């Protein structure tokens, strides 16, 4: 499972995996960076947040109930 702290997940959804690959190929190291994920869906948002956490990023998830999405995005180093 992706949420387990050790081991490798059997399957990672393709969009979050692709985002991580784009970050890697672009030379963006998310370790220690503040990352905002827009959306909390089970197929994109949540797996994306978990992959970023595994890469040692600090993650904030914004969704329809988030009061001030603009402020969260402005203070982020990476927005997905």
Protein backbone atom coordinates (compact mmCIF):
# COMPACT_ATOMS: atom_id res chain seq x y z
CA UNK A 1 0.00 0.00 0.00
CA UNK A 2 1.18 3.49 -0.81
CA UNK A 3 0.37 4.70 2.70
CA UNK A 4 2.69 2.24 4.41
CA UNK A 5 5.94 3.82 5.61
CA UNK A 6 8.16 1.00 4.36
CA UNK A 7 8.26 -1.10 1.24
CA UNK A 8 7.11 -0.28 -2.25
CA UNK A 9 3.49 -0.03 -3.33
CA UNK A 10 2.35 -2.62 -5.87
CA UNK A 11 0.56 -0.03 -7.98
CA UNK A 12 0.81 3.76 -8.15
CA UNK A 13 -1.84 5.66 -10.14
CA UNK A 14 -0.38 6.97 -13.40
CA UNK A 15 -1.09 10.70 -12.95
CA UNK A 16 0.70 11.05 -9.58
CA UNK A 17 3.52 8.82 -10.85
CA UNK A 18 3.81 11.02 -13.95
CA UNK A 19 3.89 14.18 -11.83
CA UNK A 20 6.72 12.77 -9.74
CA UNK A 21 8.60 11.82 -12.93
CA UNK A 22 8.13 15.34 -14.34
CA UNK A 23 9.47 16.85 -11.13
CA UNK A 24 12.45 14.50 -11.21
CA UNK A 25 13.26 15.14 -14.90
CA UNK A 26 12.92 18.88 -14.33
CA UNK A 27 15.50 18.74 -11.56
CA UNK A 28 13.03 19.64 -8.81
CA UNK A 29 13.96 18.04 -5.48
CA UNK A 30 10.88 18.26 -3.26
CA UNK A 31 12.66 17.16 -0.09
CA UNK A 32 12.18 19.86 2.52
CA UNK A 33 9.97 21.93 0.22
CA UNK A 34 6.43 23.05 0.95
CA UNK A 35 4.10 21.43 -1.59
CA UNK A 36 0.40 22.08 -2.13
CA UNK A 37 -1.81 19.45 -3.74
CA UNK A 38 -5.07 20.78 -5.17
CA UNK A 39 -7.72 18.10 -4.72
CA UNK A 40 -8.09 15.08 -2.48
CA UNK A 41 -9.44 12.41 -4.79
CA UNK A 42 -8.47 8.84 -4.12
CA UNK A 43 -6.96 8.38 -7.57
CA UNK A 44 -4.93 11.60 -7.93
CA UNK A 45 -4.86 13.96 -4.94
CA UNK A 46 -4.32 11.53 -2.09
CA UNK A 47 -1.74 9.34 -3.88
CA UNK A 48 0.08 12.51 -5.02
CA UNK A 49 0.27 13.76 -1.44
CA UNK A 50 1.54 10.39 -0.24
CA UNK A 51 4.24 10.24 -2.94
CA UNK A 52 5.39 13.74 -1.99
CA UNK A 53 5.49 12.75 1.69
CA UNK A 54 7.57 9.68 0.77
CA UNK A 55 9.94 12.11 -0.99
CA UNK A 56 10.25 14.09 2.27
CA UNK A 57 8.16 17.08 1.18
CA UNK A 58 5.92 19.02 3.54
CA UNK A 59 2.44 18.65 2.06
CA UNK A 60 -0.73 20.71 2.33
CA UNK A 61 -3.87 19.42 0.62
CA UNK A 62 -6.42 21.96 -0.58
CA UNK A 63 -9.96 20.97 -1.52
CA UNK A 64 -13.50 22.36 -1.78
CA UNK A 65 -13.56 22.98 1.97
CA UNK A 66 -10.27 24.86 2.14
CA UNK A 67 -10.92 28.44 3.26
CA UNK A 68 -7.96 30.22 1.63
CA UNK A 69 -6.54 28.23 -1.26
CA UNK A 70 -4.81 31.32 -2.71
CA UNK A 71 -2.70 31.86 0.42
CA UNK A 72 -1.71 28.19 0.54
CA UNK A 73 -0.59 28.31 -3.10
CA UNK A 74 1.34 31.57 -2.64
CA UNK A 75 3.45 30.20 0.20
CA UNK A 76 4.14 26.88 -1.55
CA UNK A 77 7.37 26.01 -3.32
CA UNK A 78 5.52 23.48 -5.51
CA UNK A 79 1.82 23.45 -6.49
CA UNK A 80 0.23 20.35 -8.02
